[in-house]
Protein backbone atom coordinates (compact mmCIF):
# COMPACT_ATOMS: atom_id res chain seq x y z
CA UNK A 1 -17.81 12.18 49.02
CA UNK A 2 -18.76 13.90 52.28
CA UNK A 3 -22.38 13.08 53.06
CA UNK A 4 -22.71 15.78 55.71
CA UNK A 5 -24.28 18.79 53.96
CA UNK A 6 -24.26 21.08 57.00
CA UNK A 7 -22.59 24.45 56.75
CA UNK A 8 -19.48 25.13 58.84
CA UNK A 9 -17.39 28.13 59.66
CA UNK A 10 -14.19 26.22 58.91
CA UNK A 11 -13.47 22.82 57.39
CA UNK A 12 -9.97 21.40 57.99
CA UNK A 13 -8.60 18.72 55.67
CA UNK A 14 -6.17 16.51 57.59
CA UNK A 15 -5.79 15.72 61.29
CA UNK A 16 -2.09 15.92 61.97
CA UNK A 17 -0.94 17.93 65.00
CA UNK A 18 -1.26 21.14 62.97
CA UNK A 19 -4.78 20.43 61.75
CA UNK A 20 -5.86 19.52 65.28
CA UNK A 21 -4.15 22.59 66.75
CA UNK A 22 -5.93 24.84 64.24
CA UNK A 23 -9.20 23.14 65.03
CA UNK A 24 -8.80 23.64 68.76
CA UNK A 25 -7.91 27.32 68.37
CA UNK A 26 -10.86 28.05 66.07
CA UNK A 27 -13.39 25.97 68.00
CA UNK A 28 -12.39 27.74 71.22
CA UNK A 29 -13.14 31.04 69.46
CA UNK A 30 -16.72 29.88 69.00
CA UNK A 31 -16.51 28.77 65.37
CA UNK A 32 -18.14 25.61 64.09
CA UNK A 33 -15.24 23.47 62.88
CA UNK A 34 -15.14 20.13 61.06
CA UNK A 35 -11.95 18.13 60.56
CA UNK A 36 -11.96 15.60 57.74
CA UNK A 37 -9.36 12.81 57.89
CA UNK A 38 -8.65 10.21 55.20
CA UNK A 39 -7.37 7.59 57.67
CA UNK A 40 -9.45 5.76 60.25
CA UNK A 41 -7.71 7.57 63.12
CA UNK A 42 -6.31 11.04 63.73
CA UNK A 43 -2.64 11.81 64.02
CA UNK A 44 -0.79 12.03 60.71
CA UNK A 45 2.84 11.89 61.85
CA UNK A 46 1.89 11.02 65.44
CA UNK A 47 0.55 7.51 65.19
CA UNK A 48 1.61 4.34 67.02
CA UNK A 49 1.03 0.74 65.91
CA UNK A 50 2.09 -2.85 66.61
CA UNK A 51 4.26 -3.10 63.50
CA UNK A 52 6.30 -6.15 64.49
CA UNK A 53 4.99 -8.43 67.25
CA UNK A 54 2.06 -8.32 69.65
CA UNK A 55 2.79 -6.05 72.57
CA UNK A 56 5.48 -4.01 70.81
CA UNK A 57 4.16 -0.50 70.19
CA UNK A 58 6.12 1.40 67.55
CA UNK A 59 5.87 5.06 66.57
CA UNK A 60 5.15 5.00 62.84
CA UNK A 61 6.74 8.39 62.21
CA UNK A 62 7.67 10.94 64.90
CA UNK A 63 9.16 9.47 68.05
CA UNK A 64 10.88 11.92 70.41
CA UNK A 65 9.34 15.31 71.15
CA UNK A 66 11.43 18.14 72.61
CA UNK A 67 9.65 20.72 70.43
CA UNK A 68 6.30 19.30 71.49
CA UNK A 69 7.11 19.67 75.16
CA UNK A 70 8.52 23.17 74.62
CA UNK A 71 5.86 24.33 72.12
CA UNK A 72 4.34 27.66 73.24
CA UNK A 73 0.90 26.62 72.00
CA UNK A 74 0.97 23.15 73.54
CA UNK A 75 1.94 24.78 76.83
CA UNK A 76 -1.04 27.10 76.50
CA UNK A 77 -3.31 24.10 75.90
CA UNK A 78 -1.98 22.38 79.05
CA UNK A 79 -2.14 18.96 77.40
CA UNK A 80 -1.16 17.18 80.61
CA UNK A 81 -4.53 18.24 82.03
CA UNK A 82 -6.15 16.22 79.24
CA UNK A 83 -4.16 13.09 79.99
CA UNK A 84 -0.92 13.43 78.02
CA UNK A 85 2.02 12.09 80.01
CA UNK A 86 5.60 12.89 79.04
CA UNK A 87 8.35 10.42 79.92
CA UNK A 88 11.84 11.83 80.34
CA UNK A 89 15.17 10.07 79.83
CA UNK A 90 18.34 10.84 81.77
CA UNK A 91 19.84 12.56 78.73
CA UNK A 92 18.60 13.80 75.36
CA UNK A 93 21.25 12.51 72.96
CA UNK A 94 24.08 10.02 72.92
CA UNK A 95 26.56 10.31 70.07
CA UNK A 96 28.84 7.25 69.95
CA UNK A 97 32.30 7.51 68.43
CA UNK A 98 34.82 4.88 67.38
CA UNK A 99 37.28 3.76 70.06
CA UNK A 100 36.31 6.36 72.65
CA UNK A 101 33.47 7.32 74.97
CA UNK A 102 30.21 8.61 73.52
CA UNK A 103 29.33 12.29 73.70
CA UNK A 104 26.24 12.88 75.86
CA UNK A 105 23.89 15.86 75.55
CA UNK A 106 22.34 16.52 78.95
CA UNK A 107 20.39 19.42 80.45
CA UNK A 108 23.45 20.90 82.09
CA UNK A 109 25.57 22.94 79.70
CA UNK A 110 28.56 22.46 81.99
CA UNK A 111 28.09 18.70 82.17
CA UNK A 112 27.73 18.44 78.40
CA UNK A 113 30.76 20.65 77.84
CA UNK A 114 32.83 18.42 80.14
CA UNK A 115 32.41 15.69 77.46
CA UNK A 116 34.08 17.83 74.86
CA UNK A 117 37.73 18.06 75.83
CA UNK A 118 39.48 20.92 74.07
CA UNK A 119 36.14 22.55 73.17
CA UNK A 120 34.74 22.66 76.70
CA UNK A 121 35.02 26.44 77.07
CA UNK A 122 34.00 27.17 73.47
CA UNK A 123 30.81 25.14 73.89
CA UNK A 124 29.93 26.90 77.12
CA UNK A 125 30.58 30.30 75.56
CA UNK A 126 28.24 29.52 72.63
CA UNK A 127 25.48 27.63 74.41
CA UNK A 128 25.12 29.31 77.82
CA UNK A 129 23.45 32.50 76.47
CA UNK A 130 21.13 30.47 74.23
CA UNK A 131 20.26 27.89 76.87
CA UNK A 132 19.43 30.67 79.32
CA UNK A 133 16.58 31.83 77.09
CA UNK A 134 15.31 28.73 75.31
CA UNK A 135 11.75 29.97 75.89
CA UNK A 136 12.58 33.13 73.91
CA UNK A 137 14.19 31.02 71.19
CA UNK A 138 11.13 28.80 70.85
CA UNK A 139 8.74 31.75 70.82
CA UNK A 140 10.58 33.50 68.01
CA UNK A 141 11.82 30.56 65.95
CA UNK A 142 8.41 28.85 65.84
CA UNK A 143 6.67 31.71 64.06
CA UNK A 144 6.46 33.05 60.50
CA UNK A 145 9.02 35.60 59.38
CA UNK A 146 8.25 38.98 60.93
CA UNK A 147 8.76 40.99 64.07
CA UNK A 148 10.47 39.09 66.87
CA UNK A 149 9.29 39.38 70.46
CA UNK A 150 12.93 39.34 71.55
CA UNK A 151 14.76 41.15 68.73
CA UNK A 152 18.14 41.70 70.41
CA UNK A 153 18.41 38.08 71.50
CA UNK A 154 17.34 36.80 68.06
CA UNK A 155 19.73 39.15 66.26
CA UNK A 156 22.63 37.75 68.26
CA UNK A 157 21.39 34.21 67.65
CA UNK A 158 20.83 34.88 63.95
CA UNK A 159 24.40 36.04 63.39
CA UNK A 160 25.54 32.52 64.24
CA UNK A 161 22.49 30.64 62.96
CA UNK A 162 22.73 31.98 59.41
CA UNK A 163 26.13 30.38 58.84
CA UNK A 164 26.56 27.05 57.04
CA UNK A 165 27.25 24.35 59.61
CA UNK A 166 30.59 23.53 57.96
CA UNK A 167 31.82 27.09 58.45
CA UNK A 168 30.41 27.47 61.98
CA UNK A 169 32.01 24.22 63.09
CA UNK A 170 35.37 25.23 61.63
CA UNK A 171 35.28 28.66 63.28
CA UNK A 172 34.08 27.57 66.73
CA UNK A 173 35.30 24.04 67.47
CA UNK A 174 38.74 22.45 67.34
CA UNK A 175 38.13 18.85 68.45
CA UNK A 176 36.07 16.08 66.88
CA UNK A 177 33.80 15.48 69.91
CA UNK A 178 32.06 18.86 69.87
CA UNK A 179 31.92 18.80 66.08
CA UNK A 180 30.30 15.36 66.13
CA UNK A 181 27.66 16.38 68.67
CA UNK A 182 26.86 19.48 66.62
CA UNK A 183 26.71 17.42 63.40
CA UNK A 184 24.24 14.93 64.86
CA UNK A 185 21.87 17.73 65.86
CA UNK A 186 22.35 19.64 62.60
CA UNK A 187 21.51 16.56 60.52
CA UNK A 188 17.90 16.77 61.72
CA UNK A 189 17.63 19.51 59.08
CA UNK A 190 18.10 16.92 56.30
CA UNK A 191 20.25 19.46 54.44
CA UNK A 192 23.84 19.54 53.24
CA UNK A 193 25.96 21.23 55.89
CA UNK A 194 27.32 23.78 53.41
CA UNK A 195 23.93 25.50 53.08
CA UNK A 196 23.12 28.71 54.90
CA UNK A 197 21.08 28.46 58.13
CA UNK A 198 22.01 24.83 58.79
CA UNK A 199 23.73 26.06 61.95
CA UNK A 200 20.33 27.28 63.16
CA UNK A 201 18.91 23.77 63.38
CA UNK A 202 21.98 22.43 65.15
CA UNK A 203 21.89 25.17 67.77
CA UNK A 204 18.11 24.87 68.30
CA UNK A 205 18.32 21.12 68.95
CA UNK A 206 21.27 21.57 71.29
CA UNK A 207 19.41 24.32 73.14
CA UNK A 208 16.33 22.13 73.45
CA UNK A 209 18.50 19.50 75.10
CA UNK A 210 19.56 22.07 77.69
CA UNK A 211 15.95 22.97 78.40
CA UNK A 212 14.51 19.47 78.70
CA UNK A 213 15.72 15.89 78.40
CA UNK A 214 14.09 15.03 75.08
CA UNK A 215 10.87 13.25 76.12
CA UNK A 216 8.66 10.60 74.57
CA UNK A 217 4.90 10.42 74.97
CA UNK A 218 3.79 7.63 77.27
CA UNK A 219 2.08 4.92 75.27
CA UNK A 220 3.39 6.25 71.96
CA UNK A 221 3.19 9.37 69.84
CA UNK A 222 -0.45 8.53 69.15
CA UNK A 223 -1.08 9.78 72.69
CA UNK A 224 -0.30 13.33 71.52
CA UNK A 225 -2.87 13.12 68.72
CA UNK A 226 -5.46 11.53 71.00
CA UNK A 227 -4.98 14.30 73.56
CA UNK A 228 -5.33 17.02 70.91
CA UNK A 229 -8.48 15.32 69.64
CA UNK A 230 -9.89 15.33 73.18
CA UNK A 231 -9.22 19.08 73.42
CA UNK A 232 -10.82 19.64 70.02
CA UNK A 233 -13.99 17.73 70.85
CA UNK A 234 -14.29 19.42 74.23
CA UNK A 235 -14.19 22.77 72.42
CA UNK A 236 -17.12 21.66 70.26
CA UNK A 237 -15.21 20.51 67.19
CA UNK A 238 -16.49 17.74 64.91
CA UNK A 239 -14.41 14.99 63.29
CA UNK A 240 -15.05 12.84 60.21
CA UNK A 241 -12.69 9.88 59.72
CA UNK A 242 -12.08 7.47 56.82
CA UNK A 243 -13.01 10.16 54.30
CA UNK A 244 -10.48 11.00 51.60
CA UNK A 245 -11.06 14.29 49.81
CA UNK A 246 -9.95 14.31 46.18
CA UNK A 247 -11.99 17.18 44.79
CA UNK A 248 -13.01 20.54 46.21
CA UNK A 249 -16.64 19.84 45.29
CA UNK A 250 -16.68 17.00 47.84
CA UNK A 251 -16.27 19.44 50.71
CA UNK A 252 -19.25 20.66 52.74
CA UNK A 253 -20.16 24.33 52.68
CA UNK A 254 -17.89 26.54 54.81
CA UNK A 255 -16.64 30.09 55.12
CA UNK A 256 -13.01 28.89 54.98
CA UNK A 257 -11.05 25.73 54.21
CA UNK A 258 -7.75 24.90 55.89
CA UNK A 259 -5.45 22.23 54.41
CA UNK A 260 -3.18 20.25 56.70
CA UNK A 261 -1.69 18.66 53.58
CA UNK A 262 1.31 19.02 51.32
CA UNK A 263 1.22 21.69 48.54
CA UNK A 264 0.59 19.16 45.77
CA UNK A 265 -2.66 17.99 47.35
CA UNK A 266 -3.80 21.60 47.72
CA UNK A 267 -3.11 22.21 44.03
CA UNK A 268 -4.89 19.03 42.98
CA UNK A 269 -7.93 19.21 45.26
CA UNK A 270 -8.49 22.92 44.65
CA UNK A 271 -7.61 22.63 40.94
CA UNK A 272 -10.44 24.89 39.81
CA UNK A 273 -10.30 27.26 42.79
CA UNK A 274 -6.73 28.57 42.47
CA UNK A 275 -4.94 30.57 39.74
CA UNK A 276 -2.75 28.58 37.37
CA UNK A 277 0.35 30.60 38.25
CA UNK A 278 -0.06 29.82 41.96
CA UNK A 279 -0.64 26.12 41.32
CA UNK A 280 2.55 26.00 39.25
CA UNK A 281 4.49 27.42 42.19
CA UNK A 282 2.96 24.86 44.56
CA UNK A 283 3.91 22.05 42.18
CA UNK A 284 7.52 23.24 42.09
CA UNK A 285 7.84 22.84 45.85
CA UNK A 286 11.06 21.03 46.81
CA UNK A 287 10.44 18.19 49.26
CA UNK A 288 14.09 17.19 49.70
CA UNK A 289 15.39 13.72 50.66
CA UNK A 290 13.20 10.98 52.06
CA UNK A 291 13.81 8.36 54.75
CA UNK A 292 14.18 4.60 55.04
CA UNK A 293 13.01 3.44 58.47
CA UNK A 294 13.11 0.20 60.44
CA UNK A 295 11.23 -0.67 63.63
CA UNK A 296 12.69 -3.48 65.72
CA UNK A 297 11.37 -5.76 68.42
CA UNK A 298 14.38 -6.62 70.60
CA UNK A 299 14.94 -9.33 73.18
CA UNK A 300 16.97 -6.99 75.41
CA UNK A 301 18.42 -3.47 75.54
CA UNK A 302 20.80 -2.44 72.74
CA UNK A 303 24.36 -3.60 73.66
CA UNK A 304 26.13 -0.28 73.15
CA UNK A 305 29.91 -0.28 73.57
CA UNK A 306 29.38 2.71 75.82
CA UNK A 307 26.50 1.72 78.14
CA UNK A 308 25.75 5.41 78.79
CA UNK A 309 24.04 5.44 75.40
CA UNK A 310 21.12 3.72 77.13
CA UNK A 311 20.56 6.90 79.15
CA UNK A 312 19.41 8.88 76.07
CA UNK A 313 16.08 8.79 74.27
CA UNK A 314 17.89 9.54 70.99
CA UNK A 315 21.14 8.21 69.58
CA UNK A 316 22.86 9.94 66.65
CA UNK A 317 24.85 7.36 64.70
CA UNK A 318 27.31 8.35 62.03
CA UNK A 319 30.65 9.04 63.63
CA UNK A 320 32.51 12.26 62.96
CA UNK A 321 31.32 15.59 61.61
CA UNK A 322 32.97 14.84 58.29
CA UNK A 323 31.28 11.44 57.95
CA UNK A 324 27.83 12.82 58.73
CA UNK A 325 28.30 15.83 56.46
CA UNK A 326 29.31 13.52 53.59
CA UNK A 327 26.29 11.26 54.11
CA UNK A 328 23.83 14.18 54.21
CA UNK A 329 25.38 15.68 51.07
CA UNK A 330 25.02 12.35 49.26
CA UNK A 331 21.31 12.05 50.10
CA UNK A 332 20.73 15.58 48.80
CA UNK A 333 22.59 14.72 45.59
CA UNK A 334 20.43 11.64 44.97
CA UNK A 335 23.04 9.14 46.16
CA UNK A 336 22.81 6.33 48.74
CA UNK A 337 25.45 6.56 51.44
CA UNK A 338 27.22 3.38 52.49
CA UNK A 339 27.67 4.90 55.95
CA UNK A 340 24.57 7.04 56.48
CA UNK A 341 23.64 9.17 59.44
CA UNK A 342 21.17 7.05 61.42
CA UNK A 343 18.68 8.63 63.80
CA UNK A 344 17.76 6.07 66.46
CA UNK A 345 15.20 6.24 69.26
CA UNK A 346 14.91 3.79 72.15
CA UNK A 347 11.58 4.77 73.69
CA UNK A 348 11.05 1.56 75.64
CA UNK A 349 14.12 2.30 77.77
CA UNK A 350 11.99 4.92 79.51
CA UNK A 351 8.38 4.00 78.71
CA UNK A 352 7.58 0.48 79.86
CA UNK A 353 4.22 0.50 78.05
CA UNK A 354 5.98 0.12 74.69
CA UNK A 355 7.04 -3.54 74.94
CA UNK A 356 6.72 -6.72 77.02
CA UNK A 357 8.71 -6.75 80.25
CA UNK A 358 12.43 -7.11 79.69
CA UNK A 359 12.12 -6.63 75.92
CA UNK A 360 12.46 -3.46 73.88
CA UNK A 361 11.58 -1.48 70.79
CA UNK A 362 14.02 0.33 68.54
CA UNK A 363 13.16 2.99 65.94
CA UNK A 364 15.79 3.94 63.37
CA UNK A 365 15.99 5.66 60.00
CA UNK A 366 18.47 7.10 57.55
CA UNK A 367 18.10 9.75 54.88
CA UNK A 368 17.83 8.59 51.26
CA UNK A 369 17.10 10.25 47.92
CA UNK A 370 13.48 11.30 47.46
CA UNK A 371 11.48 8.40 46.02
CA UNK A 372 14.17 5.78 46.75
CA UNK A 373 13.04 2.15 46.83
CA UNK A 374 16.36 0.67 47.96
CA UNK A 375 16.33 -1.57 51.03
CA UNK A 376 18.76 0.02 53.48
CA UNK A 377 18.25 -2.52 56.27
CA UNK A 378 21.76 -3.99 56.13
CA UNK A 379 23.33 -0.53 55.89
CA UNK A 380 21.44 0.73 58.95
CA UNK A 381 22.20 -2.39 60.96
CA UNK A 382 25.88 -2.21 60.07
CA UNK A 383 25.99 1.35 61.39
CA UNK A 384 24.29 0.29 64.63
CA UNK A 385 26.58 -2.76 64.99
CA UNK A 386 29.56 -0.45 64.58
CA UNK A 387 28.78 1.02 67.99
CA UNK A 388 26.70 -1.84 69.45
CA UNK A 389 28.21 -5.18 68.43
CA UNK A 390 25.73 -7.99 68.88
CA UNK A 391 22.73 -5.83 67.96
CA UNK A 392 21.68 -8.18 65.16
CA UNK A 393 21.62 -11.09 67.60
CA UNK A 394 18.88 -9.54 69.75
CA UNK A 395 16.44 -8.78 66.90
CA UNK A 396 13.17 -10.69 67.37
CA UNK A 397 11.35 -9.09 64.44
CA UNK A 398 11.53 -5.97 62.28
CA UNK A 399 9.35 -3.88 60.00
CA UNK A 400 10.76 -1.56 57.35
CA UNK A 401 9.31 1.34 55.35
CA UNK A 402 10.89 2.82 52.25
CA UNK A 403 9.91 6.19 50.80
CA UNK A 404 7.04 4.69 48.80
CA UNK A 405 5.61 3.05 51.92
CA UNK A 406 5.78 6.36 53.78
CA UNK A 407 3.88 8.17 51.05
CA UNK A 408 1.27 5.39 50.97
CA UNK A 409 0.93 5.67 54.75
CA UNK A 410 0.60 9.46 54.61
CA UNK A 411 0.11 11.32 51.33
CA UNK A 412 1.85 14.37 52.81
CA UNK A 413 5.16 12.49 52.79
CA UNK A 414 5.88 13.02 49.11
CA UNK A 415 8.76 10.80 48.09
CA UNK A 416 9.29 9.84 51.74
CA UNK A 417 10.00 13.41 52.91
CA UNK A 418 8.64 13.36 56.47
CA UNK A 419 9.40 16.93 57.55
CA UNK A 420 7.16 18.84 55.15
CA UNK A 421 9.82 19.74 52.59
CA UNK A 422 13.34 21.06 52.27
CA UNK A 423 14.13 23.92 54.65
CA UNK A 424 16.95 25.43 52.60
CA UNK A 425 17.26 29.20 52.11
CA UNK A 426 14.78 29.17 49.19
CA UNK A 427 12.03 27.68 51.37
CA UNK A 428 13.00 28.33 54.98
CA UNK A 429 11.09 31.62 55.19
CA UNK A 430 8.86 31.40 52.12
CA UNK A 431 7.29 27.95 52.35
CA UNK A 432 5.29 26.84 50.44
CA UNK A 433 5.59 29.95 48.20
CA UNK A 434 6.56 33.56 48.85
CA UNK A 435 3.54 35.44 50.19
CA UNK A 436 3.13 38.14 52.82
CA UNK A 437 0.82 35.72 54.65
CA UNK A 438 2.31 32.25 54.00
CA UNK A 439 -0.82 30.46 55.24
CA UNK A 440 -3.09 32.17 52.72
CA UNK A 441 -3.65 31.49 49.04
CA UNK A 442 -4.98 33.73 46.23
CA UNK A 443 -8.41 32.30 47.07
CA UNK A 444 -9.55 34.13 50.24
CA UNK A 445 -11.37 31.00 51.44
CA UNK A 446 -8.42 28.58 51.17
CA UNK A 447 -5.57 28.35 53.68
CA UNK A 448 -2.74 25.94 54.55
CA UNK A 449 -1.38 24.84 57.93
CA UNK A 450 0.81 21.78 57.27
CA UNK A 451 4.52 21.32 57.89
CA UNK A 452 5.00 22.83 54.42
CA UNK A 453 4.20 26.22 56.00
CA UNK A 454 6.24 28.14 58.60
CA UNK A 455 7.84 27.23 60.92
CA UNK A 456 8.27 23.87 59.18
CA UNK A 457 8.35 20.29 60.40
CA UNK A 458 8.02 19.07 63.95
CA UNK A 459 5.27 18.06 66.36
CA UNK A 460 4.65 21.44 67.96
CA UNK A 461 1.34 22.61 66.46
CA UNK A 462 2.67 26.09 65.75
CA UNK A 463 1.94 25.96 62.01
CA UNK A 464 -1.66 25.25 62.91
CA UNK A 465 -1.74 27.97 65.56
CA UNK A 466 -0.52 30.73 63.23
CA UNK A 467 -2.66 29.54 60.33
CA UNK A 468 -5.75 29.50 62.55
CA UNK A 469 -5.15 33.14 63.44
CA UNK A 470 -5.19 33.98 59.73
CA UNK A 471 -8.35 31.97 59.17
CA UNK A 472 -10.11 33.59 62.12
CA UNK A 473 -9.30 37.06 60.82
CA UNK A 474 -10.65 36.11 57.39
CA UNK A 475 -13.88 34.63 58.77
CA UNK A 476 -14.48 37.67 61.01
CA UNK A 477 -13.91 39.96 58.03
CA UNK A 478 -16.40 37.95 55.96
CA UNK A 479 -18.99 38.12 58.74
CA UNK A 480 -18.49 41.88 59.05
CA UNK A 481 -18.97 42.34 55.31
CA UNK A 482 -22.14 40.19 55.38
CA UNK A 483 -23.57 42.38 58.16
CA UNK A 484 -22.76 45.54 56.16
CA UNK A 485 -24.43 44.07 53.08
């Protein structure tokens, strides 16, 4: 129960990057804003903790942040002025392959293309026009469906992006190296590659790598949340921690309520405030596969067969396009892959605050069926050992989280789904349900801003930015009506 009985303009439930971004926007517009957080610290998916040994600082969820660095709203906030420090690797992605050199994604399109053998010219032809205008791409892809600011550019991009990744790869690339690099980036979508618009995610992540070497936040992802909180407080916002809201009646009086939570929590908390038909639609929301994650404390850097893998903040493990596509399909079908796609981050290679001198952290997860409780530790380690023999010998300690542990850690991660829900064609543009204003609900006082709203998952704050605009318009309309009355 919230003891504070003051009246607010807006109350935000949840303090992930989107809740904090909404709070900053609204507080800077002169509104009185309260954020209520169930945990004892802000952050949601941007928290850091000593999960293994003293002195080893692990990102609990999100780890590497190209979309955060490139976010239009974060740029507007000038987070570096408030103390956030980005640390940049030499390259964004390393994609190791069996019995040959790894593929490296670097800022230079030409340099990356030189990795790709027979597909060198094809890659340049596809990526040069996109890489030239990554700022346009981020502006228009990180917004709800509607009018683009750069319609001709986005139309050209969309003609490729709408294709299933399997078809795009077949049409554009001939060799396995370019296909593998594309597969590793596409798999961030957590979708089968035969679904429409999976190419979009692959191209966006590749383009991000040509705009910036995918950075980490110095000190851990918690630094992003702490910086956003500093902005929020400076703007006059108020925060209430360690307060879990389970019923709408527990909320203090406000003109509007904004939920940085998954759709199920909205339906449950606002049970008596929303129409039955709308709640049914929220409860049918598809969250998609979950993740099994391991954090490692290591005695030394990972012994990759190709040492250039140490130059990248992110390593995509899974081999060829066909192998990764098979693994992602299996997770979607409720199966556990024996050779899963493993997303690995090695933040301490570039940020020496993460671990004791000479030692390292490693962050790795694979996709599993939603709600899975299987221990995938051996499977993940076998995949890493495949490209870094001797990895198991340098493990000092490890900490694993299955899908249940993720949902316990953060209620938004239903069944271990950490990206806010499946972004397939049925939910890509209409998440959480189809409405002209996706942040609104049938109750004019209740709004949503979580990763379950457009533009989806990622630490970029844009869901919160667009939702806050909707809330502000609603509050101003209410105030105008009160004056008229």
